[in-house]
Amino acid sequence: MRHATPEDLEKIGTLLDEVRRMPGLVERTPGSFYRNSKGFLHFHDDPTGMYADVRLAAGEDFARLRVQTKAEQSSLLRRVRQAVGEG
């Protein structure tokens, strides 16, 4: 599994647009988001699809979530909103 390239990220452009609108997240490099100066969310591409590594609670390790389908992307957005206190 490798970090997503700019070309990979184009496949999830709508998802990224939603994440970019969330308060408290800073996109330091394309598809790599920080919260309170700590890595929070980034993406990987794999033959089985796109995945997000996200830190859903302070002090926890990254959780890896598949984001290949619209339903999986919606689930990620819901969980990220909860983590940043927006939902």
PDB file of N, CA and C in Angstrom:
ATOM      1  N   MET A   1       0.853  -1.167   0.000  1.00  0.00           N
ATOM      2  CA  MET A   1       0.000   0.000   0.000  1.00  0.00           C
ATOM      3  C   MET A   1       0.902   1.235   0.000  1.00  0.00           C
ATOM      4  N   ARG A   2       0.615   2.156  -0.894  1.00  0.00           N
ATOM      5  CA  ARG A   2       1.459   3.349  -1.001  1.00  0.00           C
ATOM      6  C   ARG A   2       0.617   4.608  -0.767  1.00  0.00           C
ATOM      7  N   HIS A   3       1.300   5.679  -0.391  1.00  0.00           N
ATOM      8  CA  HIS A   3       0.601   6.953  -0.237  1.00  0.00           C
ATOM      9  C   HIS A   3       0.002   7.352  -1.579  1.00  0.00           C
ATOM     10  N   ALA A   4      -1.163   7.946  -1.516  1.00  0.00           N
ATOM     11  CA  ALA A   4      -1.874   8.359  -2.726  1.00  0.00           C
ATOM     12  C   ALA A   4      -1.110   9.478  -3.435  1.00  0.00           C
ATOM     13  N   THR A   5      -1.030   9.375  -4.736  1.00  0.00           N
ATOM     14  CA  THR A   5      -0.411  10.402  -5.568  1.00  0.00           C
ATOM     15  C   THR A   5      -1.471  11.452  -5.924  1.00  0.00           C
ATOM     16  N   PRO A   6      -1.062  12.597  -6.459  1.00  0.00           N
ATOM     17  CA  PRO A   6      -2.058  13.574  -6.907  1.00  0.00           C
ATOM     18  C   PRO A   6      -3.070  12.981  -7.887  1.00  0.00           C
ATOM     19  N   GLU A   7      -2.617  12.077  -8.743  1.00  0.00           N
ATOM     20  CA  GLU A   7      -3.535  11.437  -9.687  1.00  0.00           C
ATOM     21  C   GLU A   7      -4.544  10.552  -8.958  1.00  0.00           C
ATOM     22  N   ASP A   8      -4.088   9.837  -7.933  1.00  0.00           N
ATOM     23  CA  ASP A   8      -4.994   9.007  -7.130  1.00  0.00           C
ATOM     24  C   ASP A   8      -6.038   9.881  -6.432  1.00  0.00           C
ATOM     25  N   LEU A   9      -5.588  11.015  -5.912  1.00  0.00           N
ATOM     26  CA  LEU A   9      -6.483  11.894  -5.161  1.00  0.00           C
ATOM     27  C   LEU A   9      -7.592  12.480  -6.035  1.00  0.00           C
ATOM     28  N   GLU A  10      -7.332  12.593  -7.329  1.00  0.00           N
ATOM     29  CA  GLU A  10      -8.367  13.094  -8.234  1.00  0.00           C
ATOM     30  C   GLU A  10      -9.604  12.197  -8.203  1.00  0.00           C
ATOM     31  N   LYS A  11      -9.417  10.908  -7.943  1.00  0.00           N
ATOM     32  CA  LYS A  11     -10.535   9.959  -7.891  1.00  0.00           C
ATOM     33  C   LYS A  11     -11.478  10.239  -6.725  1.00  0.00           C
ATOM     34  N   ILE A  12     -10.967  10.910  -5.686  1.00  0.00           N
ATOM     35  CA  ILE A  12     -11.782  11.200  -4.508  1.00  0.00           C
ATOM     36  C   ILE A  12     -11.904  12.710  -4.288  1.00  0.00           C
ATOM     37  N   GLY A  13     -11.927  13.439  -5.387  1.00  0.00           N
ATOM     38  CA  GLY A  13     -11.963  14.900  -5.317  1.00  0.00           C
ATOM     39  C   GLY A  13     -13.131  15.454  -4.522  1.00  0.00           C
ATOM     40  N   THR A  14     -14.319  14.881  -4.683  1.00  0.00           N
ATOM     41  CA  THR A  14     -15.496  15.362  -3.950  1.00  0.00           C
ATOM     42  C   THR A  14     -15.318  15.150  -2.453  1.00  0.00           C
ATOM     43  N   LEU A  15     -14.786  13.998  -2.072  1.00  0.00           N
ATOM     44  CA  LEU A  15     -14.506  13.716  -0.662  1.00  0.00           C
ATOM     45  C   LEU A  15     -13.513  14.734  -0.102  1.00  0.00           C
ATOM     46  N   LEU A  16     -12.447  14.990  -0.836  1.00  0.00           N
ATOM     47  CA  LEU A  16     -11.444  15.962  -0.383  1.00  0.00           C
ATOM     48  C   LEU A  16     -12.042  17.355  -0.236  1.00  0.00           C
ATOM     49  N   ASP A  17     -12.917  17.742  -1.153  1.00  0.00           N
ATOM     50  CA  ASP A  17     -13.566  19.057  -1.056  1.00  0.00           C
ATOM     51  C   ASP A  17     -14.338  19.174   0.253  1.00  0.00           C
ATOM     52  N   GLU A  18     -15.029  18.113   0.644  1.00  0.00           N
ATOM     53  CA  GLU A  18     -15.788  18.118   1.903  1.00  0.00           C
ATOM     54  C   GLU A  18     -14.849  18.223   3.108  1.00  0.00           C
ATOM     55  N   VAL A  19     -13.771  17.481   3.087  1.00  0.00           N
ATOM     56  CA  VAL A  19     -12.818  17.522   4.197  1.00  0.00           C
ATOM     57  C   VAL A  19     -12.188  18.907   4.294  1.00  0.00           C
ATOM     58  N   ARG A  20     -11.887  19.514   3.172  1.00  0.00           N
ATOM     59  CA  ARG A  20     -11.255  20.847   3.172  1.00  0.00           C
ATOM     60  C   ARG A  20     -12.145  21.907   3.812  1.00  0.00           C
ATOM     61  N   ARG A  21     -13.439  21.696   3.832  1.00  0.00           N
ATOM     62  CA  ARG A  21     -14.375  22.658   4.427  1.00  0.00           C
ATOM     63  C   ARG A  21     -14.486  22.531   5.950  1.00  0.00           C
ATOM     64  N   MET A  22     -13.928  21.496   6.512  1.00  0.00           N
ATOM     65  CA  MET A  22     -14.078  21.261   7.947  1.00  0.00           C
ATOM     66  C   MET A  22     -13.149  22.161   8.747  1.00  0.00           C
ATOM     67  N   PRO A  23     -13.705  22.788   9.791  1.00  0.00           N
ATOM     68  CA  PRO A  23     -12.887  23.681  10.614  1.00  0.00           C
ATOM     69  C   PRO A  23     -11.840  22.906  11.411  1.00  0.00           C
ATOM     70  N   GLY A  24     -10.706  23.537  11.590  1.00  0.00           N
ATOM     71  CA  GLY A  24      -9.661  22.949  12.415  1.00  0.00           C
ATOM     72  C   GLY A  24      -8.713  22.022  11.688  1.00  0.00           C
ATOM     73  N   LEU A  25      -8.970  21.744  10.407  1.00  0.00           N
ATOM     74  CA  LEU A  25      -8.076  20.882   9.642  1.00  0.00           C
ATOM     75  C   LEU A  25      -7.268  21.724   8.669  1.00  0.00           C
ATOM     76  N   VAL A  26      -5.983  21.429   8.580  1.00  0.00           N
ATOM     77  CA  VAL A  26      -5.077  22.140   7.690  1.00  0.00           C
ATOM     78  C   VAL A  26      -4.480  21.125   6.728  1.00  0.00           C
ATOM     79  N   GLU A  27      -4.589  21.392   5.446  1.00  0.00           N
ATOM     80  CA  GLU A  27      -4.030  20.507   4.426  1.00  0.00           C
ATOM     81  C   GLU A  27      -2.617  20.990   4.115  1.00  0.00           C
ATOM     82  N   ARG A  28      -1.623  20.287   4.635  1.00  0.00           N
ATOM     83  CA  ARG A  28      -0.230  20.706   4.452  1.00  0.00           C
ATOM     84  C   ARG A  28       0.311  20.320   3.087  1.00  0.00           C
ATOM     85  N   THR A  29      -0.058  19.154   2.630  1.00  0.00           N
ATOM     86  CA  THR A  29       0.252  18.716   1.276  1.00  0.00           C
ATOM     87  C   THR A  29      -1.034  18.113   0.723  1.00  0.00           C
ATOM     88  N   PRO A  30      -1.175  18.000  -0.583  1.00  0.00           N
ATOM     89  CA  PRO A  30      -2.435  17.489  -1.126  1.00  0.00           C
ATOM     90  C   PRO A  30      -2.846  16.147  -0.492  1.00  0.00           C
ATOM     91  N   GLY A  31      -4.038  16.151   0.121  1.00  0.00           N
ATOM     92  CA  GLY A  31      -4.583  14.943   0.708  1.00  0.00           C
ATOM     93  C   GLY A  31      -4.039  14.577   2.072  1.00  0.00           C
ATOM     94  N   SER A  32      -3.231  15.439   2.675  1.00  0.00           N
ATOM     95  CA  SER A  32      -2.644  15.176   3.990  1.00  0.00           C
ATOM     96  C   SER A  32      -3.070  16.297   4.945  1.00  0.00           C
ATOM     97  N   PHE A  33      -3.910  15.936   5.911  1.00  0.00           N
ATOM     98  CA  PHE A  33      -4.526  16.923   6.794  1.00  0.00           C
ATOM     99  C   PHE A  33      -3.988  16.797   8.214  1.00  0.00           C
ATOM    100  N   TYR A  34      -3.816  17.946   8.840  1.00  0.00           N
ATOM    101  CA  TYR A  34      -3.335  18.025  10.214  1.00  0.00           C
ATOM    102  C   TYR A  34      -4.383  18.702  11.072  1.00  0.00           C
ATOM    103  N   ARG A  35      -4.373  18.344  12.349  1.00  0.00           N
ATOM    104  CA  ARG A  35      -5.249  18.970  13.335  1.00  0.00           C
ATOM    105  C   ARG A  35      -4.397  19.244  14.568  1.00  0.00           C
ATOM    106  N   ASN A  36      -4.395  20.489  15.016  1.00  0.00           N
ATOM    107  CA  ASN A  36      -3.567  20.872  16.166  1.00  0.00           C
ATOM    108  C   ASN A  36      -2.113  20.462  15.963  1.00  0.00           C
ATOM    109  N   SER A  37      -1.590  20.704  14.799  1.00  0.00           N
ATOM    110  CA  SER A  37      -0.201  20.449  14.402  1.00  0.00           C
ATOM    111  C   SER A  37       0.183  18.966  14.412  1.00  0.00           C
ATOM    112  N   LYS A  38      -0.797  18.081  14.464  1.00  0.00           N
ATOM    113  CA  LYS A  38      -0.520  16.636  14.455  1.00  0.00           C
ATOM    114  C   LYS A  38      -1.223  15.995  13.263  1.00  0.00           C
ATOM    115  N   GLY A  39      -0.560  15.027  12.625  1.00  0.00           N
ATOM    116  CA  GLY A  39      -1.171  14.323  11.507  1.00  0.00           C
ATOM    117  C   GLY A  39      -2.534  13.777  11.889  1.00  0.00           C
ATOM    118  N   PHE A  40      -3.527  14.006  11.022  1.00  0.00           N
ATOM    119  CA  PHE A  40      -4.903  13.598  11.322  1.00  0.00           C
ATOM    120  C   PHE A  40      -5.484  12.675  10.259  1.00  0.00           C
ATOM    121  N   LEU A  41      -5.221  12.959   8.983  1.00  0.00           N
ATOM    122  CA  LEU A  41      -5.859  12.205   7.904  1.00  0.00           C
ATOM    123  C   LEU A  41      -4.979  12.242   6.661  1.00  0.00           C
ATOM    124  N   HIS A  42      -4.770  11.077   6.059  1.00  0.00           N
ATOM    125  CA  HIS A  42      -4.090  11.001   4.771  1.00  0.00           C
ATOM    126  C   HIS A  42      -4.608   9.762   4.043  1.00  0.00           C
ATOM    127  N   PHE A  43      -4.233   9.626   2.791  1.00  0.00           N
ATOM    128  CA  PHE A  43      -4.818   8.594   1.940  1.00  0.00           C
ATOM    129  C   PHE A  43      -3.759   7.695   1.320  1.00  0.00           C
ATOM    130  N   HIS A  44      -4.185   6.458   1.056  1.00  0.00           N
ATOM    131  CA  HIS A  44      -3.349   5.446   0.414  1.00  0.00           C
ATOM    132  C   HIS A  44      -4.110   4.849  -0.752  1.00  0.00           C
ATOM    133  N   ASP A  45      -3.358   4.398  -1.748  1.00  0.00           N
ATOM    134  CA  ASP A  45      -3.956   3.666  -2.854  1.00  0.00           C
ATOM    135  C   ASP A  45      -3.398   2.253  -2.830  1.00  0.00           C
ATOM    136  N   ASP A  46      -4.257   1.312  -3.144  1.00  0.00           N
ATOM    137  CA  ASP A  46      -3.928  -0.100  -3.085  1.00  0.00           C
ATOM    138  C   ASP A  46      -4.699  -0.781  -4.210  1.00  0.00           C
ATOM    139  N   PRO A  47      -4.268  -1.928  -4.682  1.00  0.00           N
ATOM    140  CA  PRO A  47      -5.051  -2.620  -5.714  1.00  0.00           C
ATOM    141  C   PRO A  47      -6.500  -2.892  -5.297  1.00  0.00           C
ATOM    142  N   THR A  48      -6.768  -2.942  -3.993  1.00  0.00           N
ATOM    143  CA  THR A  48      -8.141  -3.173  -3.522  1.00  0.00           C
ATOM    144  C   THR A  48      -8.935  -1.885  -3.365  1.00  0.00           C
ATOM    145  N   GLY A  49      -8.320  -0.724  -3.627  1.00  0.00           N
ATOM    146  CA  GLY A  49      -9.036   0.544  -3.559  1.00  0.00           C
ATOM    147  C   GLY A  49      -8.300   1.615  -2.789  1.00  0.00           C
ATOM    148  N   MET A  50      -9.016   2.711  -2.570  1.00  0.00           N
ATOM    149  CA  MET A  50      -8.469   3.850  -1.813  1.00  0.00           C
ATOM    150  C   MET A  50      -8.790   3.658  -0.335  1.00  0.00           C
ATOM    151  N   TYR A  51      -7.847   4.074   0.501  1.00  0.00           N
ATOM    152  CA  TYR A  51      -8.001   3.973   1.948  1.00  0.00           C
ATOM    153  C   TYR A  51      -7.612   5.296   2.592  1.00  0.00           C
ATOM    154  N   ALA A  52      -8.250   5.574   3.722  1.00  0.00           N
ATOM    155  CA  ALA A  52      -7.900   6.737   4.524  1.00  0.00           C
ATOM    156  C   ALA A  52      -7.315   6.243   5.835  1.00  0.00           C
ATOM    157  N   ASP A  53      -6.240   6.861   6.263  1.00  0.00           N
ATOM    158  CA  ASP A  53      -5.730   6.672   7.615  1.00  0.00           C
ATOM    159  C   ASP A  53      -6.150   7.910   8.386  1.00  0.00           C
ATOM    160  N   VAL A  54      -6.915   7.724   9.439  1.00  0.00           N
ATOM    161  CA  VAL A  54      -7.467   8.850  10.185  1.00  0.00           C
ATOM    162  C   VAL A  54      -7.314   8.594  11.684  1.00  0.00           C
ATOM    163  N   ARG A  55      -6.995   9.648  12.409  1.00  0.00           N
ATOM    164  CA  ARG A  55      -6.857   9.581  13.865  1.00  0.00           C
ATOM    165  C   ARG A  55      -8.187  10.065  14.454  1.00  0.00           C
ATOM    166  N   LEU A  56      -9.052   9.122  14.823  1.00  0.00           N
ATOM    167  CA  LEU A  56     -10.419   9.453  15.220  1.00  0.00           C
ATOM    168  C   LEU A  56     -10.545   9.946  16.653  1.00  0.00           C
ATOM    169  N   ALA A  57      -9.536   9.722  17.478  1.00  0.00           N
ATOM    170  CA  ALA A  57      -9.561  10.204  18.859  1.00  0.00           C
ATOM    171  C   ALA A  57      -8.141  10.602  19.263  1.00  0.00           C
ATOM    172  N   ALA A  58      -8.057  11.602  20.106  1.00  0.00           N
ATOM    173  CA  ALA A  58      -6.751  12.076  20.570  1.00  0.00           C
ATOM    174  C   ALA A  58      -5.996  10.937  21.245  1.00  0.00           C
ATOM    175  N   GLY A  59      -4.742  10.835  20.930  1.00  0.00           N
ATOM    176  CA  GLY A  59      -3.895   9.827  21.544  1.00  0.00           C
ATOM    177  C   GLY A  59      -3.983   8.446  20.918  1.00  0.00           C
ATOM    178  N   GLU A  60      -4.873   8.264  19.968  1.00  0.00           N
ATOM    179  CA  GLU A  60      -5.006   6.964  19.310  1.00  0.00           C
ATOM    180  C   GLU A  60      -4.146   6.897  18.063  1.00  0.00           C
ATOM    181  N   ASP A  61      -3.849   5.682  17.652  1.00  0.00           N
ATOM    182  CA  ASP A  61      -3.164   5.467  16.384  1.00  0.00           C
ATOM    183  C   ASP A  61      -4.155   5.690  15.244  1.00  0.00           C
ATOM    184  N   PHE A  62      -3.616   5.715  14.047  1.00  0.00           N
ATOM    185  CA  PHE A  62      -4.468   5.860  12.874  1.00  0.00           C
ATOM    186  C   PHE A  62      -5.322   4.618  12.681  1.00  0.00           C
ATOM    187  N   ALA A  63      -6.574   4.841  12.286  1.00  0.00           N
ATOM    188  CA  ALA A  63      -7.454   3.758  11.849  1.00  0.00           C
ATOM    189  C   ALA A  63      -7.471   3.802  10.328  1.00  0.00           C
ATOM    190  N   ARG A  64      -7.435   2.645   9.707  1.00  0.00           N
ATOM    191  CA  ARG A  64      -7.460   2.584   8.241  1.00  0.00           C
ATOM    192  C   ARG A  64      -8.874   2.231   7.798  1.00  0.00           C
ATOM    193  N   LEU A  65      -9.462   3.109   6.978  1.00  0.00           N
ATOM    194  CA  LEU A  65     -10.824   2.926   6.494  1.00  0.00           C
ATOM    195  C   LEU A  65     -10.834   2.966   4.976  1.00  0.00           C
ATOM    196  N   ARG A  66     -11.531   2.033   4.370  1.00  0.00           N
ATOM    197  CA  ARG A  66     -11.656   2.015   2.911  1.00  0.00           C
ATOM    198  C   ARG A  66     -12.581   3.160   2.495  1.00  0.00           C
ATOM    199  N   VAL A  67     -12.226   3.851   1.403  1.00  0.00           N
ATOM    200  CA  VAL A  67     -13.030   4.981   0.908  1.00  0.00           C
ATOM    201  C   VAL A  67     -13.237   4.873  -0.601  1.00  0.00           C
ATOM    202  N   GLN A  68     -13.428   3.658  -1.064  1.00  0.00           N
ATOM    203  CA  GLN A  68     -13.583   3.425  -2.492  1.00  0.00           C
ATOM    204  C   GLN A  68     -14.980   3.794  -2.990  1.00  0.00           C
ATOM    205  N   THR A  69     -16.015   3.484  -2.214  1.00  0.00           N
ATOM    206  CA  THR A  69     -17.392   3.728  -2.647  1.00  0.00           C
ATOM    207  C   THR A  69     -17.937   5.009  -2.012  1.00  0.00           C
ATOM    208  N   LYS A  70     -19.034   5.503  -2.554  1.00  0.00           N
ATOM    209  CA  LYS A  70     -19.689   6.694  -1.992  1.00  0.00           C
ATOM    210  C   LYS A  70     -20.138   6.425  -0.557  1.00  0.00           C
ATOM    211  N   ALA A  71     -20.644   5.228  -0.284  1.00  0.00           N
ATOM    212  CA  ALA A  71     -21.077   4.877   1.073  1.00  0.00           C
ATOM    213  C   ALA A  71     -19.893   4.894   2.040  1.00  0.00           C
ATOM    214  N   GLU A  72     -18.746   4.363   1.614  1.00  0.00           N
ATOM    215  CA  GLU A  72     -17.550   4.369   2.458  1.00  0.00           C
ATOM    216  C   GLU A  72     -17.049   5.790   2.683  1.00  0.00           C
ATOM    217  N   GLN A  73     -17.138   6.624   1.659  1.00  0.00           N
ATOM    218  CA  GLN A  73     -16.732   8.022   1.796  1.00  0.00           C
ATOM    219  C   GLN A  73     -17.656   8.763   2.754  1.00  0.00           C
ATOM    220  N   SER A  74     -18.951   8.510   2.661  1.00  0.00           N
ATOM    221  CA  SER A  74     -19.917   9.142   3.572  1.00  0.00           C
ATOM    222  C   SER A  74     -19.653   8.725   5.009  1.00  0.00           C
ATOM    223  N   SER A  75     -19.326   7.463   5.204  1.00  0.00           N
ATOM    224  CA  SER A  75     -19.013   6.976   6.543  1.00  0.00           C
ATOM    225  C   SER A  75     -17.773   7.679   7.099  1.00  0.00           C
ATOM    226  N   LEU A  76     -16.743   7.822   6.271  1.00  0.00           N
ATOM    227  CA  LEU A  76     -15.542   8.533   6.711  1.00  0.00           C
ATOM    228  C   LEU A  76     -15.881   9.971   7.089  1.00  0.00           C
ATOM    229  N   LEU A  77     -16.635  10.660   6.243  1.00  0.00           N
ATOM    230  CA  LEU A  77     -16.992  12.053   6.531  1.00  0.00           C
ATOM    231  C   LEU A  77     -17.741  12.165   7.856  1.00  0.00           C
ATOM    232  N   ARG A  78     -18.665  11.261   8.096  1.00  0.00           N
ATOM    233  CA  ARG A  78     -19.434  11.279   9.345  1.00  0.00           C
ATOM    234  C   ARG A  78     -18.499  11.113  10.540  1.00  0.00           C
ATOM    235  N   ARG A  79     -17.569  10.180  10.441  1.00  0.00           N
ATOM    236  CA  ARG A  79     -16.644   9.929  11.546  1.00  0.00           C
ATOM    237  C   ARG A  79     -15.657  11.078  11.746  1.00  0.00           C
ATOM    238  N   VAL A  80     -15.210  11.691  10.657  1.00  0.00           N
ATOM    239  CA  VAL A  80     -14.306  12.838  10.770  1.00  0.00           C
ATOM    240  C   VAL A  80     -15.045  14.017  11.406  1.00  0.00           C
ATOM    241  N   ARG A  81     -16.278  14.243  10.993  1.00  0.00           N
ATOM    242  CA  ARG A  81     -17.075  15.332  11.599  1.00  0.00           C
ATOM    243  C   ARG A  81     -17.213  15.133  13.111  1.00  0.00           C
ATOM    244  N   GLN A  82     -17.461  13.915  13.521  1.00  0.00           N
ATOM    245  CA  GLN A  82     -17.560  13.624  14.957  1.00  0.00           C
ATOM    246  C   GLN A  82     -16.221  13.896  15.655  1.00  0.00           C
ATOM    247  N   ALA A  83     -15.136  13.476  15.023  1.00  0.00           N
ATOM    248  CA  ALA A  83     -13.815  13.648  15.627  1.00  0.00           C
ATOM    249  C   ALA A  83     -13.438  15.112  15.792  1.00  0.00           C
ATOM    250  N   VAL A  84     -13.855  15.955  14.865  1.00  0.00           N
ATOM    251  CA  VAL A  84     -13.513  17.382  14.959  1.00  0.00           C
ATOM    252  C   VAL A  84     -14.604  18.177  15.671  1.00  0.00           C
ATOM    253  N   GLY A  85     -15.622  17.464  16.170  1.00  0.00           N
ATOM    254  CA  GLY A  85     -16.654  18.118  16.952  1.00  0.00           C
ATOM    255  C   GLY A  85     -17.682  18.854  16.136  1.00  0.00           C
ATOM    256  N   GLU A  86     -17.863  18.435  14.876  1.00  0.00           N
ATOM    257  CA  GLU A  86     -18.806  19.114  13.998  1.00  0.00           C
ATOM    258  C   GLU A  86     -20.092  18.307  13.832  1.00  0.00           C
ATOM    259  N   GLY A  87     -20.151  17.122  14.368  1.00  0.00           N
ATOM    260  CA  GLY A  87     -21.333  16.304  14.161  1.00  0.00           C
ATOM    261  C   GLY A  87     -21.615  15.541  15.334  1.00  0.00           C
TER     262      GLY A  87
END
